[in-house]
Structures are given as C-alpha cells and as structure tokens.
Amino acid sequence: MAQTVENAPQAPKKKGRPKRISPSAVGASPKGAARREEILSGLMLKIARQELRNPSLREIGRALNIEPAHILYYFNSREDLLQSVIMRWDEDARAAAPARIVTLDNFAEQLQRNIAIPGVVHLYLNFAAEAVDPNHPAHEFFKQRFERVAATLAQRIRDEQAKGTIRASVDPESNARQLIAMADGLQLQSLVNPSVNAAQYMIHAINSLRE
C-alpha cells in the first residue's frame, strides 16, 4: 500500500550548518547584532595583536573558535568581514582624535597611532592593494576614503597658506596626494623594518612645506 504524503518518512535534518539568511537581516535583531559585534571585535583584537595577517576565512574561524559557515551567517563574505574591520578601525581612529585633522600635524599624530597597531596596518595595506580591482567589494570604500583624506589635507594646506606659514606657490591638491602616498609608504616600511620612524619622517615632510 502506497504511503500518503502525511505518513511518508521524513528525511533527517542536517546539523552543523546554519540556515543561510541575509547578514543584514540577522544583524537587525539585538541578538544578531551582538553576535556580529562579537565576531568583529574578536577579529580586530587578533589582527591588532598580529596573531592573524590577511587571514583566510578558515583561519579566522579557527582563531575565533567558530565554524566558517557561522561567520557567513553574519557577514556576506571574508571580504565583507575584513572590510568591516578596516571601517571600524577607521571610525575608531577618527573618534580617538576629536579634533580630527585640524592641522597637518594631526596627520602625523594619526600615523603614529597606526604604527602602534601594525597588524591592522598590514591588513589595511593588503586590502587596499586588492581593492584596486573595481569589482572588489571594498573598492568604493577606499576610493571615498582617499578622496576624503585628500580633500581634508588640501584644506589644511590652504589654511596655513592663508596664515602665511606655507608658501602660496605650494599646490594643495598635489601635496595632499603626496602626503597620503608617503603615509602609506612609510607605514609599509615600518612593517618591514620597525626601526623606521614613520611619524618623524612625516613631520619632516610637513615642515618642508612650511619652509
């Protein structure tokens, strides 16, 4: 006698892999937001301590003692998670300096703070290089960040030109881009050789604009 649909044996449920739900939907609930924050904060700490360097999803899961599939329950991808780390670092860095970049010297001070967390700087430089690809999920973030910092530095140069501390012949936009390039290059050099005093070299570059 054929079994009815109601009486048909049910297939065993698979365990261990969470049902795939949009991370944005998960993060909307208090519990989901708390778990997402726990993963993000835990990864930031591991990276800041240089326990992880541009890690794979599997390495992240192993370090946080969580299955990679569960990480993808809260973040769209490895790139989404790492971008969240960089964005949080960027937010924290700006919040740590209430005055932001009010003077060019503040830019050198921010560089000094970055050097104190080499693991995050290493991730930032790696991710920035990957984000050169227009299809990379972090491409727009880095593009906007470079534009924002360049505009701020250019304005700080103009401020000093108005005060007479920087020559009127100095091109604000060109030198702003050069300071950004120097900052990233000095941070890279400091990772390769910790004896490189990145902040001090940046101060020298800024002071040269004032000569």
C-alpha atoms as a PDB file:
ATOM      1  CA  MET A   1       0.000   0.000   0.000  1.00  0.00           C
ATOM      2  CA  ALA A   2       1.488   3.355  -1.022  1.00  0.00           C
ATOM      3  CA  GLN A   3       2.251   5.822   1.746  1.00  0.00           C
ATOM      4  CA  THR A   4       0.454   9.162   1.774  1.00  0.00           C
ATOM      5  CA  VAL A   5       2.480  12.348   1.863  1.00  0.00           C
ATOM      6  CA  GLU A   6       1.477  12.846   5.508  1.00  0.00           C
ATOM      7  CA  ASN A   7       2.760   9.408   6.520  1.00  0.00           C
ATOM      8  CA  ALA A   8       5.914   9.405   4.386  1.00  0.00           C
ATOM      9  CA  PRO A   9       9.147   9.126   6.401  1.00  0.00           C
ATOM     10  CA  GLN A  10      10.889  12.481   6.916  1.00  0.00           C
ATOM     11  CA  ALA A  11      14.490  12.974   5.815  1.00  0.00           C
ATOM     12  CA  PRO A  12      16.862  13.527   8.753  1.00  0.00           C
ATOM     13  CA  LYS A  13      17.721  17.158   9.377  1.00  0.00           C
ATOM     14  CA  LYS A  14      21.281  18.200   8.712  1.00  0.00           C
ATOM     15  CA  LYS A  15      23.120  19.698  11.650  1.00  0.00           C
ATOM     16  CA  GLY A  16      26.078  21.984  11.991  1.00  0.00           C
ATOM     17  CA  ARG A  17      25.428  24.371   9.096  1.00  0.00           C
ATOM     18  CA  PRO A  18      23.123  27.302   9.882  1.00  0.00           C
ATOM     19  CA  LYS A  19      20.325  28.199   7.524  1.00  0.00           C
ATOM     20  CA  ARG A  20      21.569  30.897   5.124  1.00  0.00           C
ATOM     21  CA  ILE A  21      19.916  34.224   5.889  1.00  0.00           C
ATOM     22  CA  SER A  22      20.898  37.681   4.714  1.00  0.00           C
ATOM     23  CA  PRO A  23      23.519  39.061   7.166  1.00  0.00           C
ATOM     24  CA  SER A  24      21.720  42.408   7.122  1.00  0.00           C
ATOM     25  CA  ALA A  25      18.546  40.688   8.295  1.00  0.00           C
ATOM     26  CA  VAL A  26      20.438  38.825  11.011  1.00  0.00           C
ATOM     27  CA  GLY A  27      22.181  41.984  12.191  1.00  0.00           C
ATOM     28  CA  ALA A  28      18.841  43.746  12.543  1.00  0.00           C
ATOM     29  CA  SER A  29      17.934  41.746  15.644  1.00  0.00           C
ATOM     30  CA  PRO A  30      19.589  42.579  19.009  1.00  0.00           C
ATOM     31  CA  LYS A  31      20.933  39.033  19.338  1.00  0.00           C
ATOM     32  CA  GLY A  32      22.274  39.009  15.781  1.00  0.00           C
ATOM     33  CA  ALA A  33      23.853  42.446  16.175  1.00  0.00           C
ATOM     34  CA  ALA A  34      25.540  41.335  19.403  1.00  0.00           C
ATOM     35  CA  ARG A  35      26.939  38.192  17.803  1.00  0.00           C
ATOM     36  CA  ARG A  36      28.125  40.131  14.747  1.00  0.00           C
ATOM     37  CA  GLU A  37      29.867  42.626  17.028  1.00  0.00           C
ATOM     38  CA  GLU A  38      31.467  39.775  18.984  1.00  0.00           C
ATOM     39  CA  ILE A  39      32.969  38.317  15.799  1.00  0.00           C
ATOM     40  CA  LEU A  40      34.121  41.728  14.559  1.00  0.00           C
ATOM     41  CA  SER A  41      35.688  42.759  17.885  1.00  0.00           C
ATOM     42  CA  GLY A  42      37.352  39.380  18.336  1.00  0.00           C
ATOM     43  CA  LEU A  43      38.905  39.504  14.883  1.00  0.00           C
ATOM     44  CA  MET A  44      40.079  43.106  15.368  1.00  0.00           C
ATOM     45  CA  LEU A  45      41.853  42.090  18.575  1.00  0.00           C
ATOM     46  CA  LYS A  46      43.540  39.108  16.914  1.00  0.00           C
ATOM     47  CA  ILE A  47      44.701  41.245  13.994  1.00  0.00           C
ATOM     48  CA  ALA A  48      45.878  44.102  16.223  1.00  0.00           C
ATOM     49  CA  ARG A  49      47.991  41.597  18.183  1.00  0.00           C
ATOM     50  CA  GLN A  50      49.407  40.336  14.876  1.00  0.00           C
ATOM     51  CA  GLU A  51      48.040  36.855  15.561  1.00  0.00           C
ATOM     52  CA  LEU A  52      46.451  36.972  12.092  1.00  0.00           C
ATOM     53  CA  ARG A  53      47.691  38.622   8.890  1.00  0.00           C
ATOM     54  CA  ASN A  54      45.300  38.938   5.942  1.00  0.00           C
ATOM     55  CA  PRO A  55      43.718  35.628   7.050  1.00  0.00           C
ATOM     56  CA  SER A  56      41.574  33.204   5.110  1.00  0.00           C
ATOM     57  CA  LEU A  57      38.022  32.502   6.293  1.00  0.00           C
ATOM     58  CA  ARG A  58      39.171  29.149   7.664  1.00  0.00           C
ATOM     59  CA  GLU A  59      41.989  30.811   9.643  1.00  0.00           C
ATOM     60  CA  ILE A  60      39.550  33.352  11.048  1.00  0.00           C
ATOM     61  CA  GLY A  61      37.174  30.620  12.123  1.00  0.00           C
ATOM     62  CA  ARG A  62      39.968  28.657  13.781  1.00  0.00           C
ATOM     63  CA  ALA A  63      41.233  31.743  15.636  1.00  0.00           C
ATOM     64  CA  LEU A  64      37.762  32.668  16.895  1.00  0.00           C
ATOM     65  CA  ASN A  65      36.725  29.076  17.500  1.00  0.00           C
ATOM     66  CA  ILE A  66      33.760  29.369  15.170  1.00  0.00           C
ATOM     67  CA  GLU A  67      32.828  27.493  12.012  1.00  0.00           C
ATOM     68  CA  PRO A  68      33.376  29.461   8.774  1.00  0.00           C
ATOM     69  CA  ALA A  69      29.746  28.755   7.839  1.00  0.00           C
ATOM     70  CA  HIS A  70      28.609  30.514  11.001  1.00  0.00           C
ATOM     71  CA  ILE A  71      30.738  33.550  10.143  1.00  0.00           C
ATOM     72  CA  LEU A  72      28.973  33.724   6.778  1.00  0.00           C
ATOM     73  CA  TYR A  73      25.698  33.724   8.707  1.00  0.00           C
ATOM     74  CA  TYR A  74      26.608  37.221   9.953  1.00  0.00           C
ATOM     75  CA  PHE A  75      28.822  38.528   7.134  1.00  0.00           C
ATOM     76  CA  ASN A  76      28.394  38.211   3.368  1.00  0.00           C
ATOM     77  CA  SER A  77      31.954  37.002   2.795  1.00  0.00           C
ATOM     78  CA  ARG A  78      35.523  37.083   4.091  1.00  0.00           C
ATOM     79  CA  GLU A  79      35.979  40.366   2.236  1.00  0.00           C
ATOM     80  CA  ASP A  80      32.880  41.815   3.869  1.00  0.00           C
ATOM     81  CA  LEU A  81      34.215  40.875   7.318  1.00  0.00           C
ATOM     82  CA  LEU A  82      37.708  42.265   6.686  1.00  0.00           C
ATOM     83  CA  GLN A  83      36.248  45.441   5.207  1.00  0.00           C
ATOM     84  CA  SER A  84      34.175  45.800   8.383  1.00  0.00           C
ATOM     85  CA  VAL A  85      37.384  45.528  10.415  1.00  0.00           C
ATOM     86  CA  ILE A  86      39.051  48.291   8.382  1.00  0.00           C
ATOM     87  CA  MET A  87      35.971  50.508   8.530  1.00  0.00           C
ATOM     88  CA  ARG A  88      35.746  50.067  12.302  1.00  0.00           C
ATOM     89  CA  TRP A  89      39.467  50.861  12.637  1.00  0.00           C
ATOM     90  CA  ASP A  90      38.952  53.976  10.511  1.00  0.00           C
ATOM     91  CA  GLU A  91      35.992  55.070  12.664  1.00  0.00           C
ATOM     92  CA  ASP A  92      37.881  54.393  15.913  1.00  0.00           C
ATOM     93  CA  ALA A  93      40.954  56.265  14.659  1.00  0.00           C
ATOM     94  CA  ARG A  94      38.893  59.332  13.856  1.00  0.00           C
ATOM     95  CA  ALA A  95      36.944  59.113  17.114  1.00  0.00           C
ATOM     96  CA  ALA A  96      40.197  58.877  19.087  1.00  0.00           C
ATOM     97  CA  ALA A  97      41.102  62.339  17.813  1.00  0.00           C
ATOM     98  CA  PRO A  98      38.022  64.525  18.459  1.00  0.00           C
ATOM     99  CA  ALA A  99      39.620  67.402  16.567  1.00  0.00           C
ATOM    100  CA  ARG A 100      40.242  65.150  13.543  1.00  0.00           C
ATOM    101  CA  ILE A 101      42.812  66.589  11.130  1.00  0.00           C
ATOM    102  CA  VAL A 102      42.534  70.220  12.213  1.00  0.00           C
ATOM    103  CA  THR A 103      46.210  70.773  11.450  1.00  0.00           C
ATOM    104  CA  LEU A 104      48.715  68.954   9.267  1.00  0.00           C
ATOM    105  CA  ASP A 105      50.486  67.876  12.450  1.00  0.00           C
ATOM    106  CA  ASN A 106      47.386  65.860  13.399  1.00  0.00           C
ATOM    107  CA  PHE A 107      48.012  63.742  10.301  1.00  0.00           C
ATOM    108  CA  ALA A 108      51.456  62.785  11.626  1.00  0.00           C
ATOM    109  CA  GLU A 109      49.891  62.008  15.008  1.00  0.00           C
ATOM    110  CA  GLN A 110      47.386  59.656  13.378  1.00  0.00           C
ATOM    111  CA  LEU A 111      50.250  57.932  11.616  1.00  0.00           C
ATOM    112  CA  GLN A 112      51.933  57.380  14.966  1.00  0.00           C
ATOM    113  CA  ARG A 113      48.762  55.780  16.357  1.00  0.00           C
ATOM    114  CA  ASN A 114      48.572  53.483  13.346  1.00  0.00           C
ATOM    115  CA  ILE A 115      52.126  52.241  13.855  1.00  0.00           C
ATOM    116  CA  ALA A 116      51.099  51.070  17.327  1.00  0.00           C
ATOM    117  CA  ILE A 117      48.742  48.515  15.713  1.00  0.00           C
ATOM    118  CA  PRO A 118      50.901  47.000  12.936  1.00  0.00           C
ATOM    119  CA  GLY A 119      48.554  44.071  12.409  1.00  0.00           C
ATOM    120  CA  VAL A 120      45.720  46.364  11.344  1.00  0.00           C
ATOM    121  CA  VAL A 121      48.065  48.420   9.154  1.00  0.00           C
ATOM    122  CA  HIS A 122      49.217  45.209   7.456  1.00  0.00           C
ATOM    123  CA  LEU A 123      45.596  44.259   6.759  1.00  0.00           C
ATOM    124  CA  TYR A 124      44.807  47.768   5.513  1.00  0.00           C
ATOM    125  CA  LEU A 125      47.703  47.811   3.045  1.00  0.00           C
ATOM    126  CA  ASN A 126      46.909  44.312   1.757  1.00  0.00           C
ATOM    127  CA  PHE A 127      43.232  45.054   1.387  1.00  0.00           C
ATOM    128  CA  ALA A 128      43.900  48.412  -0.283  1.00  0.00           C
ATOM    129  CA  ALA A 129      46.038  46.651  -2.887  1.00  0.00           C
ATOM    130  CA  GLU A 130      43.300  44.083  -3.546  1.00  0.00           C
ATOM    131  CA  ALA A 131      40.645  46.818  -3.762  1.00  0.00           C
ATOM    132  CA  VAL A 132      42.347  48.313  -6.831  1.00  0.00           C
ATOM    133  CA  ASP A 133      40.034  45.958  -8.738  1.00  0.00           C
ATOM    134  CA  PRO A 134      36.812  47.932  -9.443  1.00  0.00           C
ATOM    135  CA  ASN A 135      34.827  44.749  -8.743  1.00  0.00           C
ATOM    136  CA  HIS A 136      36.322  44.316  -5.277  1.00  0.00           C
ATOM    137  CA  PRO A 137      33.680  44.903  -2.548  1.00  0.00           C
ATOM    138  CA  ALA A 138      35.950  47.425  -0.789  1.00  0.00           C
ATOM    139  CA  HIS A 139      36.869  49.386  -3.924  1.00  0.00           C
ATOM    140  CA  GLU A 140      34.365  52.171  -3.332  1.00  0.00           C
ATOM    141  CA  PHE A 141      35.264  52.428   0.359  1.00  0.00           C
ATOM    142  CA  PHE A 142      38.945  53.015  -0.379  1.00  0.00           C
ATOM    143  CA  LYS A 143      38.153  55.388  -3.241  1.00  0.00           C
ATOM    144  CA  GLN A 144      35.964  57.520  -0.986  1.00  0.00           C
ATOM    145  CA  ARG A 145      38.456  57.355   1.871  1.00  0.00           C
ATOM    146  CA  PHE A 146      41.332  58.585  -0.290  1.00  0.00           C
ATOM    147  CA  GLU A 147      39.160  61.411  -1.618  1.00  0.00           C
ATOM    148  CA  ARG A 148      38.052  62.426   1.882  1.00  0.00           C
ATOM    149  CA  VAL A 149      41.560  62.470   3.339  1.00  0.00           C
ATOM    150  CA  ALA A 150      42.992  64.256   0.275  1.00  0.00           C
ATOM    151  CA  ALA A 151      40.319  66.948   0.485  1.00  0.00           C
ATOM    152  CA  THR A 152      40.972  67.430   4.217  1.00  0.00           C
ATOM    153  CA  LEU A 153      44.747  67.689   3.820  1.00  0.00           C
ATOM    154  CA  ALA A 154      44.392  70.085   0.876  1.00  0.00           C
ATOM    155  CA  GLN A 155      42.183  72.318   3.007  1.00  0.00           C
ATOM    156  CA  ARG A 156      44.675  72.238   5.889  1.00  0.00           C
ATOM    157  CA  ILE A 157      47.399  73.343   3.464  1.00  0.00           C
ATOM    158  CA  ARG A 158      45.185  76.212   2.288  1.00  0.00           C
ATOM    159  CA  ASP A 159      44.560  77.177   5.921  1.00  0.00           C
ATOM    160  CA  GLU A 160      48.289  77.511   6.501  1.00  0.00           C
ATOM    161  CA  GLN A 161      48.748  79.383   3.239  1.00  0.00           C
ATOM    162  CA  ALA A 162      46.165  81.882   4.478  1.00  0.00           C
ATOM    163  CA  LYS A 163      48.174  82.280   7.694  1.00  0.00           C
ATOM    164  CA  GLY A 164      51.388  82.632   5.747  1.00  0.00           C
ATOM    165  CA  THR A 165      53.058  79.522   7.212  1.00  0.00           C
ATOM    166  CA  ILE A 166      53.049  77.702   3.849  1.00  0.00           C
ATOM    167  CA  ARG A 167      54.111  79.351   0.591  1.00  0.00           C
ATOM    168  CA  ALA A 168      51.336  80.403  -1.782  1.00  0.00           C
ATOM    169  CA  SER A 169      53.166  78.609  -4.620  1.00  0.00           C
ATOM    170  CA  VAL A 170      52.564  75.191  -2.998  1.00  0.00           C
ATOM    171  CA  ASP A 171      49.849  73.192  -4.806  1.00  0.00           C
ATOM    172  CA  PRO A 172      47.385  71.984  -2.085  1.00  0.00           C
ATOM    173  CA  GLU A 173      45.861  69.106  -4.065  1.00  0.00           C
ATOM    174  CA  SER A 174      49.163  67.748  -5.371  1.00  0.00           C
ATOM    175  CA  ASN A 175      50.866  67.877  -1.986  1.00  0.00           C
ATOM    176  CA  ALA A 176      47.853  66.362  -0.232  1.00  0.00           C
ATOM    177  CA  ARG A 177      48.105  63.304  -2.502  1.00  0.00           C
ATOM    178  CA  GLN A 178      51.837  63.131  -1.916  1.00  0.00           C
ATOM    179  CA  LEU A 179      51.352  63.129   1.857  1.00  0.00           C
ATOM    180  CA  ILE A 180      48.868  60.256   1.592  1.00  0.00           C
ATOM    181  CA  ALA A 181      51.253  58.276  -0.623  1.00  0.00           C
ATOM    182  CA  MET A 182      54.093  58.967   1.796  1.00  0.00           C
ATOM    183  CA  ALA A 183      51.984  57.896   4.772  1.00  0.00           C
ATOM    184  CA  ASP A 184      51.121  54.528   3.203  1.00  0.00           C
ATOM    185  CA  GLY A 185      54.712  54.023   2.022  1.00  0.00           C
ATOM    186  CA  LEU A 186      56.156  54.855   5.432  1.00  0.00           C
ATOM    187  CA  GLN A 187      53.737  52.513   7.158  1.00  0.00           C
ATOM    188  CA  LEU A 188      54.791  49.739   4.796  1.00  0.00           C
ATOM    189  CA  GLN A 189      58.469  50.447   5.516  1.00  0.00           C
ATOM    190  CA  SER A 190      57.814  50.427   9.263  1.00  0.00           C
ATOM    191  CA  LEU A 191      56.236  46.968   8.944  1.00  0.00           C
ATOM    192  CA  VAL A 192      59.303  45.678   7.108  1.00  0.00           C
ATOM    193  CA  ASN A 193      61.692  47.489   9.458  1.00  0.00           C
ATOM    194  CA  PRO A 194      60.204  48.581  12.825  1.00  0.00           C
ATOM    195  CA  SER A 195      63.157  50.920  13.374  1.00  0.00           C
ATOM    196  CA  VAL A 196      61.778  53.251  10.678  1.00  0.00           C
ATOM    197  CA  ASN A 197      60.207  56.213  12.483  1.00  0.00           C
ATOM    198  CA  ALA A 198      57.306  56.817  10.124  1.00  0.00           C
ATOM    199  CA  ALA A 199      55.766  59.664  12.134  1.00  0.00           C
ATOM    200  CA  GLN A 200      59.045  61.548  12.327  1.00  0.00           C
ATOM    201  CA  TYR A 201      59.585  61.334   8.571  1.00  0.00           C
ATOM    202  CA  MET A 202      56.048  62.604   8.056  1.00  0.00           C
ATOM    203  CA  ILE A 203      56.731  65.556  10.356  1.00  0.00           C
ATOM    204  CA  HIS A 204      59.821  66.370   8.283  1.00  0.00           C
ATOM    205  CA  ALA A 205      57.745  66.277   5.076  1.00  0.00           C
ATOM    206  CA  ILE A 206      55.101  68.572   6.562  1.00  0.00           C
ATOM    207  CA  ASN A 207      57.692  71.004   7.885  1.00  0.00           C
ATOM    208  CA  SER A 208      59.315  71.142   4.435  1.00  0.00           C
ATOM    209  CA  LEU A 209      56.054  72.636   3.129  1.00  0.00           C
ATOM    210  CA  ARG A 210      56.479  75.413   5.654  1.00  0.00           C
ATOM    211  CA  GLU A 211      59.967  76.411   4.614  1.00  0.00           C
END
